Protein backbone atom coordinates (compact mmCIF):
# COMPACT_ATOMS: atom_id res chain seq x y z
CA MET A 1 20.27 -33.19 87.21
CA THR A 2 23.33 -31.24 88.26
CA ASP A 3 23.35 -28.01 90.24
CA GLY A 4 24.75 -26.13 87.28
CA ASP A 5 22.07 -27.45 84.92
CA SER A 6 19.30 -26.33 87.23
CA ILE A 7 20.37 -22.71 87.62
CA SER A 8 22.51 -21.84 84.60
CA PRO A 9 19.82 -19.69 82.89
CA CYS A 10 19.20 -17.77 86.15
CA ASP A 11 22.25 -15.63 86.81
CA GLN A 12 19.95 -12.81 87.99
CA LEU A 13 18.49 -14.74 90.96
CA TYR A 14 20.45 -12.93 93.67
CA ASP A 15 19.96 -9.46 92.20
CA ASP A 16 16.25 -10.00 91.52
CA ALA A 17 15.63 -11.34 95.03
CA GLU A 18 17.54 -8.52 96.71
CA ARG A 19 15.96 -5.79 94.59
CA ALA A 20 12.44 -7.09 95.13
CA THR A 21 12.98 -7.52 98.87
CA LEU A 22 14.29 -4.01 99.48
CA HIS A 23 11.52 -2.47 97.39
CA LEU A 24 8.83 -4.38 99.27
CA VAL A 25 10.35 -3.51 102.65
CA SER A 26 10.16 0.18 101.74
CA ILE A 27 6.36 -0.12 101.41
CA ARG A 28 4.53 0.19 104.73
CA SER A 29 2.13 -2.76 104.80
CA VAL A 30 1.17 -3.12 108.45
CA SER A 31 -1.80 -5.43 108.84
CA PRO A 32 -4.60 -4.55 108.54
CA SER A 33 -4.24 -1.47 106.34
CA PRO A 34 -4.53 -0.25 102.73
CA GLY A 35 -0.73 -0.47 102.54
CA GLU A 36 -1.13 -4.20 101.93
CA ARG A 37 -2.84 -3.35 98.65
CA ASP A 38 0.13 -1.14 97.73
CA ALA A 39 2.48 -4.04 98.39
CA ALA A 40 0.37 -6.39 96.25
CA GLU A 41 0.47 -3.95 93.34
CA ALA A 42 4.25 -3.65 93.77
CA VAL A 43 4.62 -7.43 93.46
CA LEU A 44 2.95 -7.39 90.04
CA ARG A 45 5.13 -4.50 88.88
CA LEU A 46 8.29 -6.24 90.03
CA LEU A 47 7.32 -9.43 88.21
CA GLN A 48 6.68 -7.58 84.95
CA ALA A 49 9.83 -5.43 84.98
CA ASP A 50 11.88 -5.66 81.77
CA GLY A 51 8.75 -6.68 79.85
CA LEU A 52 8.34 -10.20 81.27
CA LYS A 53 5.00 -11.81 80.43
CA TYR A 54 2.74 -14.27 82.26
CA ASP A 55 -0.34 -16.25 81.33
CA ALA A 56 -2.61 -14.74 83.99
CA MET A 57 -2.13 -12.22 86.76
CA GLY A 58 -4.03 -9.81 88.92
CA ILE A 59 -5.24 -8.98 92.40
CA ALA A 60 -8.17 -11.08 93.58
CA PRO A 61 -10.11 -8.88 96.05
CA LEU A 62 -10.91 -10.17 99.51
CA PRO A 63 -14.74 -10.24 99.74
CA GLY A 64 -16.07 -7.28 101.72
CA ASP A 65 -12.63 -6.17 102.89
CA ARG A 66 -12.82 -2.62 104.24
CA HIS A 67 -9.21 -1.91 103.25
CA GLY A 68 -9.59 -2.99 99.61
CA ARG A 69 -6.99 -5.72 99.97
CA GLY A 70 -6.54 -8.76 97.78
CA ASN A 71 -4.30 -11.65 96.85
CA ALA A 72 -1.72 -10.82 94.17
CA TYR A 73 -1.40 -13.84 91.86
CA VAL A 74 0.47 -14.88 88.74
CA LEU A 75 0.18 -17.98 86.56
CA LEU A 76 3.09 -19.10 84.39
CA LEU A 77 2.22 -22.10 82.26
CA GLY A 78 4.74 -24.82 81.56
CA ARG A 79 4.79 -27.84 79.27
CA SER A 80 2.43 -29.83 81.50
CA PRO A 81 -0.67 -29.13 83.62
CA GLU A 82 1.15 -30.29 86.77
CA THR A 83 1.45 -27.12 88.84
CA VAL A 84 3.42 -25.90 91.85
CA VAL A 85 1.99 -23.12 94.04
CA LEU A 86 4.37 -20.59 95.63
CA THR A 87 2.94 -18.62 98.55
CA GLY A 88 4.04 -15.89 100.94
CA HIS A 89 2.50 -12.99 102.85
CA LEU A 90 3.10 -9.29 102.33
CA ASP A 91 1.90 -7.78 105.59
CA THR A 92 3.94 -6.92 108.68
CA VAL A 93 3.44 -6.01 112.30
CA GLY A 94 3.78 -2.34 113.23
CA THR A 95 6.93 -0.31 113.74
CA ARG A 96 6.40 1.47 117.06
CA ASP A 97 8.81 -0.94 118.74
CA PHE A 98 11.67 0.81 116.88
CA GLY A 99 11.23 3.85 119.14
CA ASP A 100 13.36 6.79 117.93
CA LEU A 101 14.52 4.68 114.97
CA GLU A 102 11.00 4.24 113.62
CA PRO A 103 11.55 6.65 110.66
CA TYR A 104 14.25 4.25 109.40
CA ALA A 105 12.44 0.96 110.05
CA LEU A 106 11.61 0.47 106.35
CA HIS A 107 15.04 1.49 105.05
CA PRO A 108 17.69 -1.16 105.83
CA ASP A 109 20.61 0.92 104.58
CA ARG A 110 19.71 3.95 106.70
CA LEU A 111 18.81 1.77 109.68
CA ALA A 112 22.23 0.08 109.58
CA GLN A 113 23.87 3.50 109.99
CA ARG A 114 22.06 4.01 113.28
CA MET A 115 21.99 0.60 114.97
CA PRO A 116 24.43 -2.33 115.07
CA VAL A 117 23.69 -4.97 112.43
CA PRO A 118 25.95 -8.06 112.16
CA ASP A 119 28.02 -8.40 108.99
CA GLY A 120 26.13 -10.20 106.25
CA TRP A 121 22.72 -9.33 107.66
CA LEU A 122 20.07 -6.79 106.65
CA ALA A 123 17.66 -5.33 109.21
CA GLY A 124 14.24 -3.72 108.86
CA ARG A 125 10.60 -4.31 109.55
CA GLY A 126 9.30 -7.20 107.47
CA ILE A 127 12.62 -8.02 105.83
CA ALA A 128 12.65 -11.43 107.50
CA ASP A 129 8.94 -11.93 108.15
CA MET A 130 8.57 -12.27 105.30
CA LYS A 131 9.29 -9.92 102.42
CA SER A 132 12.60 -11.60 101.60
CA GLY A 133 10.61 -14.83 101.13
CA VAL A 134 8.33 -13.04 98.67
CA GLY A 135 11.43 -11.54 97.04
CA ALA A 136 12.78 -15.07 96.52
CA MET A 137 9.51 -16.12 94.87
CA ILE A 138 9.64 -13.13 92.56
CA ALA A 139 13.21 -14.00 91.57
CA VAL A 140 12.18 -17.60 90.79
CA LEU A 141 9.19 -16.50 88.68
CA ARG A 142 11.27 -14.00 86.77
CA CYS A 143 13.91 -16.68 86.15
CA LEU A 144 11.32 -19.08 84.76
CA ALA A 145 9.52 -16.36 82.77
CA ARG A 146 12.79 -15.68 80.89
CA ARG A 147 12.84 -19.28 79.67
CA PRO A 148 10.77 -20.50 76.73
CA ARG A 149 7.76 -22.53 77.77
CA SER A 150 9.38 -25.67 76.36
CA GLU A 151 12.01 -25.39 79.11
CA ARG A 152 9.45 -25.14 81.92
CA PRO A 153 8.33 -28.69 82.73
CA LEU A 154 5.80 -27.59 85.39
CA SER A 155 3.35 -24.73 85.55
CA ILE A 156 3.66 -22.26 88.43
CA ILE A 157 1.15 -20.23 90.41
CA MET A 158 2.52 -17.57 92.73
CA ALA A 159 0.31 -15.89 95.33
CA ALA A 160 1.30 -13.06 97.68
CA THR A 161 -1.28 -12.70 100.45
CA PRO A 162 -2.28 -10.01 102.97
CA ASP A 163 -3.31 -10.24 106.62
CA GLU A 164 -1.17 -13.15 107.88
CA GLU A 165 -0.18 -11.14 110.96
CA ASN A 166 -3.82 -10.47 111.80
CA GLU A 167 -6.33 -13.22 110.92
CA SER A 168 -4.97 -14.70 107.66
CA ALA A 169 -7.85 -13.33 105.60
CA GLY A 170 -5.72 -13.50 102.46
CA MET A 171 -4.80 -17.13 102.89
CA LEU A 172 -8.35 -18.10 103.83
CA ALA A 173 -9.49 -16.63 100.50
CA LEU A 174 -6.69 -18.31 98.53
CA PRO A 175 -8.14 -21.86 98.25
CA ALA A 176 -11.11 -20.54 96.25
CA LEU A 177 -8.73 -18.64 93.94
CA LEU A 178 -6.55 -21.70 93.42
CA LEU A 179 -9.59 -23.85 92.64
CA ARG A 180 -10.73 -21.27 90.09
CA LEU A 181 -7.32 -21.14 88.40
CA ARG A 182 -7.18 -24.93 88.43
CA ALA A 183 -10.53 -25.17 86.69
CA ASP A 184 -10.00 -22.30 84.24
CA HIS A 185 -6.63 -23.59 83.03
CA ASP A 186 -7.11 -27.35 83.50
CA LEU A 187 -4.27 -27.60 86.01
CA ARG A 188 -3.27 -30.34 88.43
CA LEU A 189 -1.87 -28.91 91.66
CA VAL A 190 0.91 -31.20 92.86
CA GLY A 191 2.36 -29.21 95.74
CA ALA A 192 2.88 -25.84 97.40
CA ILE A 193 6.04 -24.12 98.59
CA ASN A 194 5.61 -21.52 101.31
CA THR A 195 8.49 -19.10 101.89
CA ASP A 196 8.09 -18.00 105.50
CA VAL A 197 11.13 -17.15 107.60
CA SER A 198 12.92 -19.83 109.59
CA THR A 199 14.73 -19.06 112.84
CA PRO A 200 17.52 -20.69 114.85
CA ALA A 201 16.50 -23.65 116.99
CA ARG A 202 18.95 -22.52 119.70
CA PRO A 203 21.60 -19.82 120.21
CA ASP A 204 24.53 -20.13 117.79
CA ASP A 205 22.61 -22.73 115.76
CA PRO A 206 24.61 -23.22 112.51
CA TYR A 207 21.74 -24.76 110.53
CA ARG A 208 19.18 -23.24 108.16
CA TYR A 209 15.92 -25.15 108.22
CA VAL A 210 13.28 -26.11 105.70
CA TYR A 211 10.05 -27.80 106.77
CA THR A 212 7.63 -30.45 105.53
CA GLY A 213 4.75 -29.51 107.86
CA THR A 214 3.68 -26.85 110.31
CA ILE A 215 2.61 -26.39 113.89
CA GLY A 216 -1.00 -25.44 114.69
CA LYS A 217 -2.61 -22.96 117.07
CA LEU A 218 -5.62 -22.78 119.35
CA LEU A 219 -6.48 -19.51 121.09
CA VAL A 220 -8.18 -20.53 124.34
CA GLY A 221 -10.30 -17.94 126.10
CA TYR A 222 -11.01 -18.02 129.84
CA TYR A 223 -13.95 -16.18 131.36
CA VAL A 224 -13.18 -16.02 135.09
CA VAL A 225 -15.97 -15.14 137.53
CA GLY A 226 -15.46 -14.24 141.18
CA ARG A 227 -17.84 -12.41 143.49
CA ALA A 228 -18.29 -8.67 143.96
CA ALA A 229 -17.49 -6.96 147.25
CA HIS A 230 -16.26 -3.65 148.62
CA ALA A 231 -12.48 -3.27 148.60
CA GLY A 232 -12.72 -2.49 152.33
CA ALA A 233 -14.24 -5.94 152.96
CA PRO A 234 -12.45 -8.07 150.36
CA HIS A 235 -13.04 -11.37 152.18
CA GLU A 236 -16.76 -11.01 151.54
CA GLY A 237 -16.10 -11.43 147.83
CA ILE A 238 -13.72 -13.24 145.49
CA ASP A 239 -11.24 -11.24 143.40
CA ALA A 240 -11.46 -12.54 139.82
CA ASN A 241 -7.95 -11.24 139.19
CA LEU A 242 -6.66 -13.51 141.93
CA LEU A 243 -8.34 -16.52 140.33
CA ALA A 244 -6.98 -15.52 136.92
CA ALA A 245 -3.49 -15.11 138.36
CA GLU A 246 -3.58 -18.65 139.76
CA ILE A 247 -4.66 -19.99 136.36
CA ILE A 248 -1.92 -18.08 134.55
CA ARG A 249 0.69 -19.32 137.00
CA ASP A 250 -0.37 -22.90 136.27
CA VAL A 251 -0.60 -22.76 132.47
CA SER A 252 1.73 -20.08 131.12
CA LEU A 253 5.06 -21.62 130.06
CA ALA A 254 3.93 -24.99 131.46
CA HIS A 255 6.03 -27.41 129.43
CA ASP A 256 3.96 -30.39 130.53
CA LEU A 257 1.05 -28.90 128.58
CA GLY A 258 3.09 -29.01 125.37
CA GLU A 259 3.55 -31.94 123.00
CA THR A 260 6.43 -34.02 121.76
CA VAL A 261 5.91 -35.71 118.39
CA ARG A 262 8.67 -37.44 116.40
CA ASN A 263 11.41 -35.58 118.27
CA THR A 264 9.67 -32.21 117.85
CA GLU A 265 8.66 -30.42 121.03
CA SER A 266 6.03 -27.72 120.80
CA PRO A 267 6.59 -24.42 122.63
CA PRO A 268 4.56 -24.25 125.87
CA PRO A 269 1.33 -22.24 126.19
CA VAL A 270 1.66 -18.53 126.89
CA THR A 271 -0.83 -15.78 127.72
CA LEU A 272 -1.45 -13.20 125.00
CA HIS A 273 -3.87 -11.11 127.04
CA ALA A 274 -5.15 -10.93 130.60
CA ALA A 275 -7.38 -8.26 132.17
CA ASP A 276 -10.27 -7.73 134.53
CA LEU A 277 -13.52 -6.54 132.99
CA LYS A 278 -14.18 -3.42 135.06
CA SER A 279 -15.04 -0.53 132.76
CA GLU A 280 -14.46 2.29 135.25
CA TYR A 281 -12.67 3.05 138.51
CA ASN A 282 -14.46 2.28 141.76
CA THR A 283 -13.76 0.53 145.06
CA GLN A 284 -15.45 -2.72 144.09
CA ILE A 285 -13.07 -5.66 143.72
CA PRO A 286 -13.05 -7.06 140.16
CA HIS A 287 -15.50 -9.95 139.90
CA GLU A 288 -14.90 -10.76 136.21
CA ALA A 289 -11.65 -11.31 134.31
CA SER A 290 -10.51 -12.80 131.03
CA ILE A 291 -7.43 -14.58 129.74
CA SER A 292 -6.34 -15.44 126.21
CA LEU A 293 -3.96 -18.41 126.09
CA ASN A 294 -1.92 -19.27 123.01
CA VAL A 295 -1.66 -23.06 122.64
CA LEU A 296 0.46 -24.58 119.86
CA THR A 297 -0.41 -28.08 118.67
CA LEU A 298 1.33 -30.89 116.79
CA GLU A 299 -1.33 -33.61 116.98
CA ARG A 300 -3.76 -32.84 119.80
CA THR A 301 -7.39 -32.06 118.99
CA PRO A 302 -9.35 -29.12 120.45
CA ALA A 303 -11.20 -31.53 122.75
CA GLU A 304 -7.91 -32.90 124.10
CA VAL A 305 -6.51 -29.40 124.67
CA LEU A 306 -9.65 -28.15 126.40
CA GLY A 307 -9.80 -31.29 128.52
CA ALA A 308 -6.25 -30.81 129.78
CA LEU A 309 -6.77 -27.10 130.42
CA SER A 310 -10.09 -27.66 132.18
CA ARG A 311 -8.46 -30.12 134.59
CA ARG A 312 -5.67 -27.65 135.23
CA ALA A 313 -8.21 -24.85 135.83
CA GLU A 314 -10.01 -27.02 138.38
CA THR A 315 -6.75 -27.40 140.28
CA SER A 316 -6.00 -23.67 140.08
CA LEU A 317 -9.49 -22.69 141.21
CA ALA A 318 -9.49 -25.14 144.12
CA ARG A 319 -6.11 -23.90 145.33
CA ALA A 320 -7.13 -20.24 145.13
CA LEU A 321 -10.44 -20.83 146.91
CA GLY A 322 -8.72 -22.93 149.55
CA SER A 323 -6.24 -20.15 150.24
CA LEU A 324 -9.05 -17.59 150.56
CA ALA A 325 -11.00 -19.86 152.89
CA ARG A 326 -8.01 -20.36 155.18
CA ALA A 327 -7.48 -16.60 155.34
CA ARG A 328 -11.10 -16.19 156.45
CA GLY A 329 -11.04 -19.19 158.76
CA VAL A 330 -13.93 -20.91 157.00
CA ARG A 331 -14.48 -24.04 154.95
CA SER A 332 -13.49 -23.79 151.30
CA GLU A 333 -16.34 -23.47 148.82
CA GLY A 334 -16.42 -25.17 145.46
CA GLY A 335 -16.12 -23.60 142.04
CA ALA A 336 -17.31 -24.64 138.58
CA VAL A 337 -15.20 -25.13 135.45
CA LEU A 338 -17.12 -25.44 132.19
CA THR A 339 -16.41 -25.42 128.47
CA TYR A 340 -18.47 -23.20 126.18
CA GLU A 341 -20.39 -26.25 125.00
CA GLU A 342 -21.25 -27.19 128.59
CA LEU A 343 -22.25 -23.59 129.33
CA PHE A 344 -24.54 -23.58 126.29
CA GLN A 345 -26.25 -26.78 127.44
CA THR A 346 -26.62 -25.44 130.99
CA ALA A 347 -28.23 -22.26 129.67
CA ALA A 348 -30.49 -24.28 127.41
CA GLY A 349 -31.62 -26.31 130.42
CA ALA A 350 -32.43 -23.12 132.30
CA ALA A 351 -34.04 -21.06 129.54
CA GLY A 352 -34.72 -23.39 126.60
CA GLU A 353 -32.58 -23.94 123.51
CA ASP A 354 -34.54 -21.57 121.27
CA ARG A 355 -34.16 -18.75 123.78
CA VAL A 356 -30.44 -19.48 124.13
CA LYS A 357 -29.89 -19.34 120.38
CA GLU A 358 -31.79 -16.04 120.22
CA VAL A 359 -29.73 -14.55 123.04
CA VAL A 360 -26.44 -15.72 121.56
CA GLU A 361 -27.29 -14.24 118.17
CA GLY A 362 -28.37 -10.95 119.74
CA ALA A 363 -25.27 -10.76 121.89
CA TRP A 364 -23.04 -11.35 118.87
CA GLU A 365 -24.78 -8.73 116.74
CA SER A 366 -24.71 -6.07 119.46
CA ALA A 367 -21.18 -6.72 120.70
CA ALA A 368 -18.37 -4.24 120.07
CA GLY A 369 -14.72 -4.90 119.37
CA ASP A 370 -12.91 -7.58 117.42
CA LEU A 371 -13.79 -11.26 117.12
CA ARG A 372 -12.21 -12.06 120.46
CA ASP A 373 -14.09 -9.25 122.25
CA ARG A 374 -17.38 -10.34 120.68
CA SER A 375 -16.77 -13.97 121.63
CA LEU A 376 -16.28 -12.95 125.26
CA THR A 377 -19.51 -10.91 125.15
CA VAL A 378 -21.43 -14.01 124.07
CA VAL A 379 -19.89 -16.08 126.88
CA ARG A 380 -20.74 -13.45 129.51
CA ARG A 381 -24.34 -13.22 128.30
CA LEU A 382 -24.72 -16.99 128.30
CA PHE A 383 -23.34 -17.23 131.82
CA SER A 384 -25.99 -14.78 133.01
CA LEU A 385 -28.74 -16.60 131.14
CA ALA A 386 -27.69 -19.90 132.72
CA ALA A 387 -28.30 -18.31 136.13
CA LEU A 388 -24.83 -19.32 137.33
CA ASN A 389 -22.79 -17.62 140.01
CA GLY A 390 -19.11 -17.37 140.70
CA PRO A 391 -16.62 -18.65 141.48
CA ALA A 392 -16.44 -20.20 138.04
CA VAL A 393 -14.29 -20.49 134.92
CA VAL A 394 -15.57 -20.94 131.36
CA LEU A 395 -13.16 -22.08 128.63
CA TYR A 396 -13.90 -21.43 124.98
CA LEU A 397 -12.04 -21.09 121.67
CA ALA A 398 -11.51 -17.78 119.88
CA PRO A 399 -10.17 -16.89 116.41
CA PRO A 400 -7.80 -17.33 114.74
CA TYR A 401 -7.35 -21.06 114.42
CA TYR A 402 -4.37 -22.61 112.65
CA PRO A 403 -4.68 -26.36 111.97
CA HIS A 404 -1.49 -28.29 112.50
CA LEU A 405 -0.23 -30.06 109.38
CA PRO A 406 2.12 -33.01 109.82
CA GLU A 407 4.24 -34.03 106.87
CA MET A 408 2.28 -35.48 103.96
CA ARG A 409 4.85 -37.83 102.46
CA SER A 410 4.67 -37.02 98.78
CA PRO A 411 6.75 -36.41 95.65
CA LEU A 412 7.12 -32.83 96.91
CA SER A 413 8.68 -33.79 100.25
CA ASP A 414 10.94 -36.28 98.45
CA ALA A 415 11.94 -33.56 95.98
CA LEU A 416 12.77 -31.17 98.81
CA ARG A 417 15.02 -33.73 100.49
CA ALA A 418 16.78 -34.42 97.21
CA ALA A 419 17.37 -30.71 96.62
CA VAL A 420 18.61 -30.17 100.18
CA SER A 421 21.13 -33.01 99.81
CA ALA A 422 23.05 -30.82 97.34
CA HIS A 423 23.32 -27.97 99.85
CA SER A 424 25.41 -29.46 102.64
CA ALA A 425 27.85 -26.56 102.32
CA ASP A 426 24.98 -24.20 103.13
CA ASN A 427 24.05 -26.09 106.34
CA VAL A 428 20.46 -26.70 105.24
CA GLN A 429 18.47 -29.30 107.18
CA VAL A 430 14.96 -30.71 106.81
CA ARG A 431 12.56 -30.72 109.78
CA GLU A 432 8.91 -31.66 109.99
CA PHE A 433 7.05 -28.95 111.92
CA PHE A 434 7.55 -25.28 111.09
CA PRO A 435 7.77 -23.89 114.65
CA LEU A 436 6.03 -20.55 114.06
CA LEU A 437 2.54 -20.03 112.67
CA SER A 438 2.36 -20.51 108.94
CA ASP A 439 -0.16 -20.12 106.13
CA MET A 440 0.73 -23.70 105.21
CA SER A 441 -2.04 -24.58 107.68
CA TYR A 442 -4.66 -23.66 105.09
CA LEU A 443 -3.38 -25.64 102.10
CA SER A 444 -4.41 -29.07 103.35
CA LEU A 445 -6.15 -30.56 106.39
CA ALA A 446 -5.05 -33.53 108.44
CA PRO A 447 -7.87 -36.10 108.81
CA ASP A 448 -7.95 -36.12 112.64
CA LEU A 449 -8.18 -32.42 113.52
CA GLY A 450 -11.39 -32.67 115.55
CA LEU A 451 -13.10 -29.78 113.74
CA ALA A 452 -16.54 -30.72 115.09
CA GLU A 453 -15.34 -30.12 118.66
CA LEU A 454 -13.73 -26.85 117.62
CA ILE A 455 -16.97 -25.58 116.07
CA ARG A 456 -18.99 -26.44 119.18
CA THR A 457 -16.63 -24.52 121.45
CA MET A 458 -16.00 -21.40 119.31
CA PRO A 459 -18.74 -18.75 119.73
CA ALA A 460 -17.56 -16.86 116.61
CA TRP A 461 -17.82 -19.81 114.23
CA GLY A 462 -20.12 -19.32 111.25
CA ARG A 463 -21.73 -16.10 112.43
CA ARG A 464 -22.30 -13.02 110.34
CA GLU A 465 -19.03 -11.08 110.38
CA GLY A 466 -17.72 -13.98 112.40
CA TYR A 467 -15.13 -16.64 111.71
CA SER A 468 -14.81 -19.88 109.80
CA LEU A 469 -12.41 -21.77 107.59
CA PRO A 470 -13.06 -22.70 103.93
CA VAL A 471 -12.96 -26.36 104.97
CA ASP A 472 -14.53 -27.73 101.78
CA ALA A 473 -12.21 -25.73 99.51
CA ILE A 474 -9.11 -26.75 101.48
CA ARG A 475 -10.13 -30.40 101.33
CA ARG A 476 -10.72 -30.14 97.59
CA LEU A 477 -7.19 -28.73 97.22
CA ALA A 478 -5.51 -31.24 99.55
CA ILE A 479 -2.05 -30.36 98.27
CA PRO A 480 1.12 -31.22 100.17
CA ALA A 481 3.11 -28.21 101.32
CA VAL A 482 6.67 -27.46 102.40
CA ASN A 483 8.41 -24.33 103.61
CA ILE A 484 11.60 -22.98 102.04
CA GLY A 485 12.30 -19.56 103.47
CA PRO A 486 15.01 -17.12 104.51
CA HIS A 487 16.94 -17.40 107.75
CA GLY A 488 16.09 -14.61 110.17
CA GLU A 489 16.41 -13.48 113.76
CA GLY A 490 14.73 -10.92 116.00
CA ILE A 491 11.35 -11.49 114.37
CA HIS A 492 8.70 -8.89 115.36
CA GLY A 493 11.31 -6.85 117.23
CA PRO A 494 13.46 -3.82 116.36
CA ALA A 495 16.41 -6.15 115.63
CA GLU A 496 14.49 -8.07 112.94
CA ARG A 497 17.05 -9.12 110.35
CA VAL A 498 17.75 -11.62 107.60
CA LEU A 499 20.92 -13.40 106.51
CA ALA A 500 21.43 -11.86 103.07
CA ASP A 501 23.40 -14.58 101.30
CA HIS A 502 20.98 -17.30 102.38
CA ALA A 503 17.91 -15.21 101.50
CA PHE A 504 19.07 -14.03 98.08
CA ARG A 505 21.30 -16.88 96.90
CA VAL A 506 20.39 -20.13 98.63
CA VAL A 507 16.60 -19.82 98.99
CA PRO A 508 15.77 -19.02 95.33
CA ARG A 509 18.11 -21.77 94.13
CA LEU A 510 16.64 -24.28 96.55
CA ILE A 511 13.11 -23.43 95.38
CA LEU A 512 14.12 -23.85 91.75
CA GLU A 513 15.92 -27.11 92.43
CA THR A 514 12.96 -28.47 94.40
CA ILE A 515 10.69 -27.66 91.46
CA SER A 516 13.10 -29.37 89.09
CA GLU A 517 13.33 -32.46 91.32
CA LEU A 518 9.56 -32.52 91.63
CA SER A 519 9.13 -32.51 87.86
CA THR A 520 11.15 -35.73 87.59
CA ARG A 521 8.80 -37.35 90.12
CA VAL A 522 5.40 -36.27 88.81
CA LEU A 523 6.01 -36.34 85.06
CA SER A 524 6.29 -39.49 83.00
CA PRO A 525 6.64 -40.14 79.27
CA LEU A 526 2.85 -40.46 79.18
CA THR A 527 2.16 -37.11 80.85
CA PRO A 528 0.30 -34.86 78.41
CA THR A 529 2.04 -31.65 77.42
CA ARG A 530 0.54 -28.48 76.07
């Protein structure tokens, strides 16, 4: 297969990708909001422009979603039941970071008149993360829809999802939709191509990356307990903020808590939130605090992560208590570090397991706030029920959870490498782990994730209006996934931008060529055709 053969019927790729991208950027689809539904409807309109037809399409509603959002999907049948899935998300983060330029955040042409944008780049909220990726998918589908079915060796499903920037509700609902389409149309899903944005590995990096796997994420919560006292007699108590500060100093940006796997180094942990739990002003020192720590994983299980962080918390707590004791001229007291599972067992020993389960359920149902707030409420209630006192630290897991997905060596990954080999002039390179969070995490599950440990240490798991993953559906899919996306910089900031030529020319062609290469690997003379 030559490069010319693979793209000759698709002269409109660049124009279709650019047009779709700019239209989608103009739609405000901050997650979570009804604007995500508007963006999904726009995807279907863009696909059908000029009278193009598909074999199935629609918006599959997210069950019980208060914003009326859903997954926009399209099925385009080919000669065979072997099917490639194209995925990308439609939602964005907010625009307040643009300051006085916020009115222009969704209009790249007007924004470029008011802020410096490098030549060859387009700026705007969501243009990199990741509406230009969705624009590339639309261009590919429109290219294939213009061809007769006899010239489409593989069938294609495209899905544009909401909520990736929040809790990935769209992607968590997608496995069930894919299984339904697979059953209804007798398809065989042979791979998925995600189109999330890639970023430079270092300043002035000349390469544009595609990926055969993705990094994972654990959100580790810390409930930190000190001891109450009057601010005029602080040595009679223990400031929970001081304990939390020692923990943060020891774990945030601690590179030794990261991982290195096959020459890939994970970013270090970083705090996403830290606060004491006082609800009003008074002169009592804070005796409760909380921390949310973002931990990215390549291979480590939840048990391994919590073990390492618990040992580090023991060191932090001992150092802080030792410093306080020296200031008071007394002997240092000890402190307890527990996981949520250990806290649960301690409470069960004190009050009985049935009582603990009743209290946990009641605390969850009565708690206010999001899933992270409600998880913390459960932990605080359990700590009280266990009749424990500070100083202490409880570690638990909070939503969302992104499983890491190492490369699944497959015809798809081989096809991607073959397609990339023809793009040396475009400086495209293959890497294993997508370094940012990706919906690829929910297309297949590695066998050694340690999900049982995760479930035992996540208070929100499986509860009503709580959190869980469609584990069975994902395992039934078990499709290899790769990422071919635009090249962007300044993600989630006012300088968010995408390299136009790569996004509108290279990415759609690379997707098409990967599909073509894949067809030569999964089809044989004996493969049934429709």
